[in-house]
Amino acid sequence: MLINRFQCEACGKEAFMEADLLYHDMERKFLIQYVSQESMKNPKFYRNITKQGTMILDPISSTIMDKTGGEHFRTPHYVFSLGELVLYLSFRDLCGIWGQD
């Protein structure tokens, strides 16, 4: 799985991009937030996060999320490496296969 990779169309060179990534599974209603080391050190990243790690949504987004069953937007699963993101995604896939209702 290639995540946060850039490939130059001219020369074909591939490079890793250290950028935050939000994975949204709309069907199973969960989010995985990859937090780059740069963001983790930046106070601006924490502007919309509570001390408990939940997201602070603006009033319009809150209304939409409440009406559409989007409560999962408030509680992303944070990961700090792309390997961890892939492992957590695999875990959630297996929960969907083998997990109990």
PDB file of N, CA and C in Angstrom:
ATOM      1  N   MET A   1       0.852  -1.173   0.000  1.00  0.00           N
ATOM      2  CA  MET A   1       0.000   0.000   0.000  1.00  0.00           C
ATOM      3  C   MET A   1       0.899   1.238   0.000  1.00  0.00           C
ATOM      4  N   LEU A   2       0.705   2.087  -0.973  1.00  0.00           N
ATOM      5  CA  LEU A   2       1.492   3.316  -1.055  1.00  0.00           C
ATOM      6  C   LEU A   2       0.691   4.460  -0.459  1.00  0.00           C
ATOM      7  N   ILE A   3       1.213   5.015   0.607  1.00  0.00           N
ATOM      8  CA  ILE A   3       0.551   6.122   1.288  1.00  0.00           C
ATOM      9  C   ILE A   3       1.542   7.272   1.382  1.00  0.00           C
ATOM     10  N   ASN A   4       1.054   8.462   1.078  1.00  0.00           N
ATOM     11  CA  ASN A   4       1.873   9.677   1.143  1.00  0.00           C
ATOM     12  C   ASN A   4       3.122   9.566   0.260  1.00  0.00           C
ATOM     13  N   ARG A   5       2.947   8.999  -0.913  1.00  0.00           N
ATOM     14  CA  ARG A   5       4.042   8.890  -1.865  1.00  0.00           C
ATOM     15  C   ARG A   5       3.743   9.782  -3.062  1.00  0.00           C
ATOM     16  N   PHE A   6       4.787  10.406  -3.556  1.00  0.00           N
ATOM     17  CA  PHE A   6       4.679  11.247  -4.752  1.00  0.00           C
ATOM     18  C   PHE A   6       5.596  10.655  -5.799  1.00  0.00           C
ATOM     19  N   GLN A   7       5.099  10.531  -7.023  1.00  0.00           N
ATOM     20  CA  GLN A   7       5.937  10.071  -8.118  1.00  0.00           C
ATOM     21  C   GLN A   7       5.941  11.131  -9.211  1.00  0.00           C
ATOM     22  N   CYS A   8       7.126  11.568  -9.574  1.00  0.00           N
ATOM     23  CA  CYS A   8       7.291  12.573 -10.623  1.00  0.00           C
ATOM     24  C   CYS A   8       6.959  11.946 -11.968  1.00  0.00           C
ATOM     25  N   GLU A   9       6.044  12.560 -12.700  1.00  0.00           N
ATOM     26  CA  GLU A   9       5.658  12.038 -14.011  1.00  0.00           C
ATOM     27  C   GLU A   9       6.792  12.184 -15.030  1.00  0.00           C
ATOM     28  N   ALA A  10       7.634  13.183 -14.852  1.00  0.00           N
ATOM     29  CA  ALA A  10       8.712  13.427 -15.811  1.00  0.00           C
ATOM     30  C   ALA A  10       9.851  12.419 -15.670  1.00  0.00           C
ATOM     31  N   CYS A  11      10.314  12.189 -14.440  1.00  0.00           N
ATOM     32  CA  CYS A  11      11.491  11.333 -14.265  1.00  0.00           C
ATOM     33  C   CYS A  11      11.178  10.001 -13.581  1.00  0.00           C
ATOM     34  N   GLY A  12       9.986   9.878 -13.010  1.00  0.00           N
ATOM     35  CA  GLY A  12       9.612   8.631 -12.352  1.00  0.00           C
ATOM     36  C   GLY A  12      10.117   8.497 -10.930  1.00  0.00           C
ATOM     37  N   LYS A  13      10.872   9.481 -10.456  1.00  0.00           N
ATOM     38  CA  LYS A  13      11.401   9.410  -9.099  1.00  0.00           C
ATOM     39  C   LYS A  13      10.245   9.446  -8.105  1.00  0.00           C
ATOM     40  N   GLU A  14      10.371   8.642  -7.062  1.00  0.00           N
ATOM     41  CA  GLU A  14       9.342   8.559  -6.041  1.00  0.00           C
ATOM     42  C   GLU A  14       9.894   9.088  -4.717  1.00  0.00           C
ATOM     43  N   ALA A  15       9.054   9.813  -3.990  1.00  0.00           N
ATOM     44  CA  ALA A  15       9.484  10.379  -2.714  1.00  0.00           C
ATOM     45  C   ALA A  15       8.349  10.291  -1.699  1.00  0.00           C
ATOM     46  N   PHE A  16       8.714  10.171  -0.438  1.00  0.00           N
ATOM     47  CA  PHE A  16       7.761  10.152   0.660  1.00  0.00           C
ATOM     48  C   PHE A  16       7.410  11.594   1.015  1.00  0.00           C
ATOM     49  N   MET A  17       6.133  11.854   1.255  1.00  0.00           N
ATOM     50  CA  MET A  17       5.683  13.181   1.674  1.00  0.00           C
ATOM     51  C   MET A  17       5.258  13.097   3.139  1.00  0.00           C
ATOM     52  N   GLU A  18       5.937  13.804   3.995  1.00  0.00           N
ATOM     53  CA  GLU A  18       5.602  13.826   5.423  1.00  0.00           C
ATOM     54  C   GLU A  18       4.430  14.782   5.606  1.00  0.00           C
ATOM     55  N   ALA A  19       3.226  14.252   5.489  1.00  0.00           N
ATOM     56  CA  ALA A  19       2.017  15.070   5.590  1.00  0.00           C
ATOM     57  C   ALA A  19       0.944  14.304   6.348  1.00  0.00           C
ATOM     58  N   ASP A  20       0.158  15.028   7.118  1.00  0.00           N
ATOM     59  CA  ASP A  20      -0.946  14.414   7.839  1.00  0.00           C
ATOM     60  C   ASP A  20      -1.910  13.772   6.848  1.00  0.00           C
ATOM     61  N   LEU A  21      -2.598  12.746   7.308  1.00  0.00           N
ATOM     62  CA  LEU A  21      -3.529  12.033   6.449  1.00  0.00           C
ATOM     63  C   LEU A  21      -4.729  11.609   7.281  1.00  0.00           C
ATOM     64  N   LEU A  22      -5.908  11.874   6.771  1.00  0.00           N
ATOM     65  CA  LEU A  22      -7.141  11.450   7.440  1.00  0.00           C
ATOM     66  C   LEU A  22      -7.795  10.385   6.576  1.00  0.00           C
ATOM     67  N   TYR A  23      -7.924   9.178   7.123  1.00  0.00           N
ATOM     68  CA  TYR A  23      -8.586   8.080   6.430  1.00  0.00           C
ATOM     69  C   TYR A  23     -10.002   7.982   6.970  1.00  0.00           C
ATOM     70  N   HIS A  24     -10.989   8.009   6.076  1.00  0.00           N
ATOM     71  CA  HIS A  24     -12.392   7.979   6.490  1.00  0.00           C
ATOM     72  C   HIS A  24     -13.072   6.776   5.857  1.00  0.00           C
ATOM     73  N   ASP A  25     -13.533   5.848   6.687  1.00  0.00           N
ATOM     74  CA  ASP A  25     -14.325   4.725   6.193  1.00  0.00           C
ATOM     75  C   ASP A  25     -15.778   5.123   6.391  1.00  0.00           C
ATOM     76  N   MET A  26     -16.420   5.569   5.319  1.00  0.00           N
ATOM     77  CA  MET A  26     -17.785   6.090   5.417  1.00  0.00           C
ATOM     78  C   MET A  26     -18.795   4.996   5.717  1.00  0.00           C
ATOM     79  N   GLU A  27     -18.557   3.804   5.207  1.00  0.00           N
ATOM     80  CA  GLU A  27     -19.506   2.712   5.421  1.00  0.00           C
ATOM     81  C   GLU A  27     -19.506   2.242   6.882  1.00  0.00           C
ATOM     82  N   ARG A  28     -18.310   2.036   7.436  1.00  0.00           N
ATOM     83  CA  ARG A  28     -18.217   1.538   8.813  1.00  0.00           C
ATOM     84  C   ARG A  28     -18.074   2.654   9.843  1.00  0.00           C
ATOM     85  N   LYS A  29     -18.038   3.871   9.368  1.00  0.00           N
ATOM     86  CA  LYS A  29     -18.035   5.069  10.212  1.00  0.00           C
ATOM     87  C   LYS A  29     -16.900   5.098  11.236  1.00  0.00           C
ATOM     88  N   PHE A  30     -15.674   5.156  10.704  1.00  0.00           N
ATOM     89  CA  PHE A  30     -14.531   5.412  11.576  1.00  0.00           C
ATOM     90  C   PHE A  30     -13.490   6.224  10.818  1.00  0.00           C
ATOM     91  N   LEU A  31     -12.684   6.932  11.586  1.00  0.00           N
ATOM     92  CA  LEU A  31     -11.613   7.765  11.048  1.00  0.00           C
ATOM     93  C   LEU A  31     -10.284   7.319  11.635  1.00  0.00           C
ATOM     94  N   ILE A  32      -9.244   7.376  10.823  1.00  0.00           N
ATOM     95  CA  ILE A  32      -7.880   7.187  11.305  1.00  0.00           C
ATOM     96  C   ILE A  32      -7.118   8.448  10.927  1.00  0.00           C
ATOM     97  N   GLN A  33      -6.542   9.103  11.911  1.00  0.00           N
ATOM     98  CA  GLN A  33      -5.787  10.339  11.664  1.00  0.00           C
ATOM     99  C   GLN A  33      -4.305  10.056  11.852  1.00  0.00           C
ATOM    100  N   TYR A  34      -3.546  10.083  10.735  1.00  0.00           N
ATOM    101  CA  TYR A  34      -2.088  10.003  10.832  1.00  0.00           C
ATOM    102  C   TYR A  34      -1.580  11.401  11.152  1.00  0.00           C
ATOM    103  N   VAL A  35      -0.824  11.502  12.226  1.00  0.00           N
ATOM    104  CA  VAL A  35      -0.271  12.786  12.658  1.00  0.00           C
ATOM    105  C   VAL A  35       1.239  12.748  12.419  1.00  0.00           C
ATOM    106  N   SER A  36       1.715  13.625  11.562  1.00  0.00           N
ATOM    107  CA  SER A  36       3.144  13.686  11.278  1.00  0.00           C
ATOM    108  C   SER A  36       3.893  14.224  12.496  1.00  0.00           C
ATOM    109  N   GLN A  37       5.174  13.928  12.568  1.00  0.00           N
ATOM    110  CA  GLN A  37       5.989  14.427  13.685  1.00  0.00           C
ATOM    111  C   GLN A  37       5.987  15.946  13.724  1.00  0.00           C
ATOM    112  N   GLU A  38       5.981  16.559  12.553  1.00  0.00           N
ATOM    113  CA  GLU A  38       5.971  18.030  12.472  1.00  0.00           C
ATOM    114  C   GLU A  38       4.692  18.589  13.096  1.00  0.00           C
ATOM    115  N   SER A  39       3.552  18.007  12.759  1.00  0.00           N
ATOM    116  CA  SER A  39       2.280  18.480  13.310  1.00  0.00           C
ATOM    117  C   SER A  39       2.188  18.238  14.806  1.00  0.00           C
ATOM    118  N   MET A  40       2.714  17.097  15.236  1.00  0.00           N
ATOM    119  CA  MET A  40       2.644  16.748  16.652  1.00  0.00           C
ATOM    120  C   MET A  40       3.351  17.796  17.519  1.00  0.00           C
ATOM    121  N   LYS A  41       4.357  18.460  16.961  1.00  0.00           N
ATOM    122  CA  LYS A  41       5.120  19.475  17.693  1.00  0.00           C
ATOM    123  C   LYS A  41       4.544  20.882  17.540  1.00  0.00           C
ATOM    124  N   ASN A  42       3.517  21.031  16.683  1.00  0.00           N
ATOM    125  CA  ASN A  42       2.996  22.350  16.351  1.00  0.00           C
ATOM    126  C   ASN A  42       1.726  22.662  17.152  1.00  0.00           C
ATOM    127  N   PRO A  43       1.749  23.698  17.985  1.00  0.00           N
ATOM    128  CA  PRO A  43       0.564  24.050  18.779  1.00  0.00           C
ATOM    129  C   PRO A  43      -0.688  24.292  17.931  1.00  0.00           C
ATOM    130  N   LYS A  44      -0.525  24.755  16.694  1.00  0.00           N
ATOM    131  CA  LYS A  44      -1.681  25.003  15.827  1.00  0.00           C
ATOM    132  C   LYS A  44      -2.463  23.722  15.554  1.00  0.00           C
ATOM    133  N   PHE A  45      -1.778  22.576  15.524  1.00  0.00           N
ATOM    134  CA  PHE A  45      -2.447  21.304  15.277  1.00  0.00           C
ATOM    135  C   PHE A  45      -3.502  21.015  16.347  1.00  0.00           C
ATOM    136  N   TYR A  46      -3.269  21.483  17.550  1.00  0.00           N
ATOM    137  CA  TYR A  46      -4.130  21.168  18.693  1.00  0.00           C
ATOM    138  C   TYR A  46      -5.288  22.156  18.878  1.00  0.00           C
ATOM    139  N   ARG A  47      -5.401  23.124  17.987  1.00  0.00           N
ATOM    140  CA  ARG A  47      -6.459  24.132  18.085  1.00  0.00           C
ATOM    141  C   ARG A  47      -7.858  23.546  18.125  1.00  0.00           C
ATOM    142  N   ASN A  48      -8.087  22.480  17.375  1.00  0.00           N
ATOM    143  CA  ASN A  48      -9.423  21.887  17.270  1.00  0.00           C
ATOM    144  C   ASN A  48      -9.510  20.517  17.934  1.00  0.00           C
ATOM    145  N   ILE A  49      -8.666  20.312  18.957  1.00  0.00           N
ATOM    146  CA  ILE A  49      -8.666  19.043  19.679  1.00  0.00           C
ATOM    147  C   ILE A  49      -8.805  19.335  21.172  1.00  0.00           C
ATOM    148  N   THR A  50      -9.693  18.579  21.844  1.00  0.00           N
ATOM    149  CA  THR A  50      -9.857  18.749  23.287  1.00  0.00           C
ATOM    150  C   THR A  50      -8.720  18.052  24.029  1.00  0.00           C
ATOM    151  N   LYS A  51      -8.642  18.273  25.316  1.00  0.00           N
ATOM    152  CA  LYS A  51      -7.626  17.606  26.136  1.00  0.00           C
ATOM    153  C   LYS A  51      -7.825  16.094  26.160  1.00  0.00           C
ATOM    154  N   GLN A  52      -9.027  15.630  25.854  1.00  0.00           N
ATOM    155  CA  GLN A  52      -9.317  14.196  25.797  1.00  0.00           C
ATOM    156  C   GLN A  52      -9.014  13.612  24.409  1.00  0.00           C
ATOM    157  N   GLY A  53      -8.643  14.455  23.459  1.00  0.00           N
ATOM    158  CA  GLY A  53      -8.297  13.995  22.122  1.00  0.00           C
ATOM    159  C   GLY A  53      -9.460  13.955  21.143  1.00  0.00           C
ATOM    160  N   THR A  54     -10.615  14.471  21.539  1.00  0.00           N
ATOM    161  CA  THR A  54     -11.741  14.510  20.609  1.00  0.00           C
ATOM    162  C   THR A  54     -11.677  15.790  19.779  1.00  0.00           C
ATOM    163  N   MET A  55     -12.292  15.744  18.612  1.00  0.00           N
ATOM    164  CA  MET A  55     -12.273  16.888  17.708  1.00  0.00           C
ATOM    165  C   MET A  55     -13.308  17.925  18.120  1.00  0.00           C
ATOM    166  N   ILE A  56     -12.951  19.184  17.970  1.00  0.00           N
ATOM    167  CA  ILE A  56     -13.876  20.290  18.162  1.00  0.00           C
ATOM    168  C   ILE A  56     -14.340  20.713  16.773  1.00  0.00           C
ATOM    169  N   LEU A  57     -15.623  20.546  16.514  1.00  0.00           N
ATOM    170  CA  LEU A  57     -16.173  20.887  15.205  1.00  0.00           C
ATOM    171  C   LEU A  57     -16.847  22.248  15.263  1.00  0.00           C
ATOM    172  N   ASP A  58     -16.846  22.945  14.149  1.00  0.00           N
ATOM    173  CA  ASP A  58     -17.554  24.218  14.077  1.00  0.00           C
ATOM    174  C   ASP A  58     -19.061  23.929  14.149  1.00  0.00           C
ATOM    175  N   PRO A  59     -19.880  24.930  14.488  1.00  0.00           N
ATOM    176  CA  PRO A  59     -21.319  24.705  14.661  1.00  0.00           C
ATOM    177  C   PRO A  59     -22.021  24.092  13.445  1.00  0.00           C
ATOM    178  N   ILE A  60     -21.652  24.506  12.248  1.00  0.00           N
ATOM    179  CA  ILE A  60     -22.294  23.959  11.050  1.00  0.00           C
ATOM    180  C   ILE A  60     -21.941  22.481  10.894  1.00  0.00           C
ATOM    181  N   SER A  61     -20.651  22.146  11.033  1.00  0.00           N
ATOM    182  CA  SER A  61     -20.232  20.744  10.923  1.00  0.00           C
ATOM    183  C   SER A  61     -20.879  19.897  12.006  1.00  0.00           C
ATOM    184  N   SER A  62     -20.976  20.431  13.218  1.00  0.00           N
ATOM    185  CA  SER A  62     -21.615  19.702  14.321  1.00  0.00           C
ATOM    186  C   SER A  62     -23.058  19.372  13.990  1.00  0.00           C
ATOM    187  N   THR A  63     -23.790  20.336  13.456  1.00  0.00           N
ATOM    188  CA  THR A  63     -25.193  20.118  13.097  1.00  0.00           C
ATOM    189  C   THR A  63     -25.316  19.042  12.022  1.00  0.00           C
ATOM    190  N   ILE A  64     -24.490  19.122  11.008  1.00  0.00           N
ATOM    191  CA  ILE A  64     -24.523  18.138   9.925  1.00  0.00           C
ATOM    192  C   ILE A  64     -24.172  16.749  10.459  1.00  0.00           C
ATOM    193  N   MET A  65     -23.129  16.666  11.272  1.00  0.00           N
ATOM    194  CA  MET A  65     -22.701  15.372  11.810  1.00  0.00           C
ATOM    195  C   MET A  65     -23.792  14.762  12.695  1.00  0.00           C
ATOM    196  N   ASP A  66     -24.419  15.585  13.506  1.00  0.00           N
ATOM    197  CA  ASP A  66     -25.484  15.091  14.384  1.00  0.00           C
ATOM    198  C   ASP A  66     -26.669  14.558  13.584  1.00  0.00           C
ATOM    199  N   LYS A  67     -26.999  15.219  12.485  1.00  0.00           N
ATOM    200  CA  LYS A  67     -28.148  14.807  11.671  1.00  0.00           C
ATOM    201  C   LYS A  67     -27.851  13.602  10.793  1.00  0.00           C
ATOM    202  N   THR A  68     -26.584  13.358  10.484  1.00  0.00           N
ATOM    203  CA  THR A  68     -26.233  12.274   9.561  1.00  0.00           C
ATOM    204  C   THR A  68     -25.574  11.087  10.253  1.00  0.00           C
ATOM    205  N   GLY A  69     -25.586  11.086  11.579  1.00  0.00           N
ATOM    206  CA  GLY A  69     -24.947   9.981  12.296  1.00  0.00           C
ATOM    207  C   GLY A  69     -23.439  10.005  12.181  1.00  0.00           C
ATOM    208  N   GLY A  70     -22.885  11.188  12.095  1.00  0.00           N
ATOM    209  CA  GLY A  70     -21.441  11.340  11.914  1.00  0.00           C
ATOM    210  C   GLY A  70     -20.676  11.564  13.200  1.00  0.00           C
ATOM    211  N   GLU A  71     -21.160  11.044  14.305  1.00  0.00           N
ATOM    212  CA  GLU A  71     -20.496  11.231  15.599  1.00  0.00           C
ATOM    213  C   GLU A  71     -19.047  10.736  15.573  1.00  0.00           C
ATOM    214  N   HIS A  72     -18.759   9.797  14.693  1.00  0.00           N
ATOM    215  CA  HIS A  72     -17.389   9.264  14.609  1.00  0.00           C
ATOM    216  C   HIS A  72     -16.374  10.336  14.198  1.00  0.00           C
ATOM    217  N   PHE A  73     -16.840  11.441  13.636  1.00  0.00           N
ATOM    218  CA  PHE A  73     -15.924  12.525  13.276  1.00  0.00           C
ATOM    219  C   PHE A  73     -15.280  13.162  14.507  1.00  0.00           C
ATOM    220  N   ARG A  74     -15.913  13.039  15.632  1.00  0.00           N
ATOM    221  CA  ARG A  74     -15.373  13.637  16.856  1.00  0.00           C
ATOM    222  C   ARG A  74     -14.273  12.782  17.495  1.00  0.00           C
ATOM    223  N   THR A  75     -14.200  11.509  17.097  1.00  0.00           N
ATOM    224  CA  THR A  75     -13.278  10.592  17.783  1.00  0.00           C
ATOM    225  C   THR A  75     -12.408   9.799  16.798  1.00  0.00           C
ATOM    226  N   PRO A  76     -11.521  10.469  16.088  1.00  0.00           N
ATOM    227  CA  PRO A  76     -10.638   9.714  15.191  1.00  0.00           C
ATOM    228  C   PRO A  76      -9.668   8.861  16.005  1.00  0.00           C
ATOM    229  N   HIS A  77      -9.205   7.801  15.406  1.00  0.00           N
ATOM    230  CA  HIS A  77      -8.138   6.995  16.014  1.00  0.00           C
ATOM    231  C   HIS A  77      -6.820   7.591  15.523  1.00  0.00           C
ATOM    232  N   TYR A  78      -6.033   8.145  16.427  1.00  0.00           N
ATOM    233  CA  TYR A  78      -4.779   8.787  16.056  1.00  0.00           C
ATOM    234  C   TYR A  78      -3.660   7.754  15.948  1.00  0.00           C
ATOM    235  N   VAL A  79      -2.863   7.858  14.884  1.00  0.00           N
ATOM    236  CA  VAL A  79      -1.676   7.032  14.718  1.00  0.00           C
ATOM    237  C   VAL A  79      -0.503   7.949  14.390  1.00  0.00           C
ATOM    238  N   PHE A  80       0.704   7.455  14.660  1.00  0.00           N
ATOM    239  CA  PHE A  80       1.878   8.312  14.540  1.00  0.00           C
ATOM    240  C   PHE A  80       2.944   7.751  13.608  1.00  0.00           C
ATOM    241  N   SER A  81       2.560   6.702  12.882  1.00  0.00           N
ATOM    242  CA  SER A  81       3.394   6.184  11.797  1.00  0.00           C
ATOM    243  C   SER A  81       2.452   5.593  10.758  1.00  0.00           C
ATOM    244  N   LEU A  82       2.908   5.562   9.526  1.00  0.00           N
ATOM    245  CA  LEU A  82       2.060   5.007   8.476  1.00  0.00           C
ATOM    246  C   LEU A  82       1.918   3.500   8.636  1.00  0.00           C
ATOM    247  N   GLY A  83       2.939   2.855   9.213  1.00  0.00           N
ATOM    248  CA  GLY A  83       2.838   1.433   9.506  1.00  0.00           C
ATOM    249  C   GLY A  83       1.717   1.167  10.493  1.00  0.00           C
ATOM    250  N   GLU A  84       1.616   2.014  11.503  1.00  0.00           N
ATOM    251  CA  GLU A  84       0.542   1.894  12.494  1.00  0.00           C
ATOM    252  C   GLU A  84      -0.825   2.112  11.835  1.00  0.00           C
ATOM    253  N   LEU A  85      -0.896   3.036  10.890  1.00  0.00           N
ATOM    254  CA  LEU A  85      -2.148   3.278  10.168  1.00  0.00           C
ATOM    255  C   LEU A  85      -2.579   2.022   9.414  1.00  0.00           C
ATOM    256  N   VAL A  86      -1.644   1.401   8.705  1.00  0.00           N
ATOM    257  CA  VAL A  86      -1.948   0.198   7.937  1.00  0.00           C
ATOM    258  C   VAL A  86      -2.367  -0.940   8.871  1.00  0.00           C
ATOM    259  N   LEU A  87      -1.665  -1.111   9.999  1.00  0.00           N
ATOM    260  CA  LEU A  87      -2.027  -2.159  10.952  1.00  0.00           C
ATOM    261  C   LEU A  87      -3.410  -1.935  11.546  1.00  0.00           C
ATOM    262  N   TYR A  88      -3.723  -0.703  11.908  1.00  0.00           N
ATOM    263  CA  TYR A  88      -5.035  -0.426  12.481  1.00  0.00           C
ATOM    264  C   TYR A  88      -6.131  -0.641  11.439  1.00  0.00           C
ATOM    265  N   LEU A  89      -5.877  -0.252  10.209  1.00  0.00           N
ATOM    266  CA  LEU A  89      -6.852  -0.467   9.142  1.00  0.00           C
ATOM    267  C   LEU A  89      -7.075  -1.967   8.926  1.00  0.00           C
ATOM    268  N   SER A  90      -6.014  -2.750   8.949  1.00  0.00           N
ATOM    269  CA  SER A  90      -6.135  -4.210   8.820  1.00  0.00           C
ATOM    270  C   SER A  90      -6.941  -4.780   9.976  1.00  0.00           C
ATOM    271  N   PHE A  91      -6.688  -4.291  11.192  1.00  0.00           N
ATOM    272  CA  PHE A  91      -7.433  -4.722  12.364  1.00  0.00           C
ATOM    273  C   PHE A  91      -8.924  -4.446  12.186  1.00  0.00           C
ATOM    274  N   ARG A  92      -9.261  -3.232  11.736  1.00  0.00           N
ATOM    275  CA  ARG A  92     -10.672  -2.889  11.539  1.00  0.00           C
ATOM    276  C   ARG A  92     -11.307  -3.750  10.447  1.00  0.00           C
ATOM    277  N   ASP A  93     -10.544  -4.068   9.411  1.00  0.00           N
ATOM    278  CA  ASP A  93     -11.053  -4.967   8.369  1.00  0.00           C
ATOM    279  C   ASP A  93     -11.372  -6.331   8.954  1.00  0.00           C
ATOM    280  N   LEU A  94     -10.483  -6.849   9.795  1.00  0.00           N
ATOM    281  CA  LEU A  94     -10.722  -8.158  10.418  1.00  0.00           C
ATOM    282  C   LEU A  94     -11.873  -8.105  11.404  1.00  0.00           C
ATOM    283  N   CYS A  95     -12.049  -6.990  12.097  1.00  0.00           N
ATOM    284  CA  CYS A  95     -13.218  -6.840  12.975  1.00  0.00           C
ATOM    285  C   CYS A  95     -14.497  -6.957  12.147  1.00  0.00           C
ATOM    286  N   GLY A  96     -14.487  -6.380  10.953  1.00  0.00           N
ATOM    287  CA  GLY A  96     -15.653  -6.446  10.076  1.00  0.00           C
ATOM    288  C   GLY A  96     -15.952  -7.863   9.605  1.00  0.00           C
ATOM    289  N   ILE A  97     -14.927  -8.687   9.514  1.00  0.00           N
ATOM    290  CA  ILE A  97     -15.087 -10.073   9.063  1.00  0.00           C
ATOM    291  C   ILE A  97     -15.450 -10.989  10.238  1.00  0.00           C
ATOM    292  N   TRP A  98     -14.673 -10.894  11.320  1.00  0.00           N
ATOM    293  CA  TRP A  98     -14.779 -11.861  12.411  1.00  0.00           C
ATOM    294  C   TRP A  98     -15.472 -11.323  13.657  1.00  0.00           C
ATOM    295  N   GLY A  99     -15.632 -10.015  13.761  1.00  0.00           N
ATOM    296  CA  GLY A  99     -16.202  -9.424  14.981  1.00  0.00           C
ATOM    297  C   GLY A  99     -17.660  -9.761  15.192  1.00  0.00           C
ATOM    298  N   GLN A 100     -18.082  -9.665  16.421  1.00  0.00           N
ATOM    299  CA  GLN A 100     -19.464  -9.953  16.825  1.00  0.00           C
ATOM    300  C   GLN A 100     -20.293  -8.681  16.767  1.00  0.00           C
ATOM    301  N   ASP A 101     -21.592  -8.826  16.527  1.00  0.00           N
ATOM    302  CA  ASP A 101     -22.500  -7.671  16.519  1.00  0.00           C
ATOM    303  C   ASP A 101     -22.761  -7.169  17.915  1.00  0.00           C
TER     304      ASP A 101
END
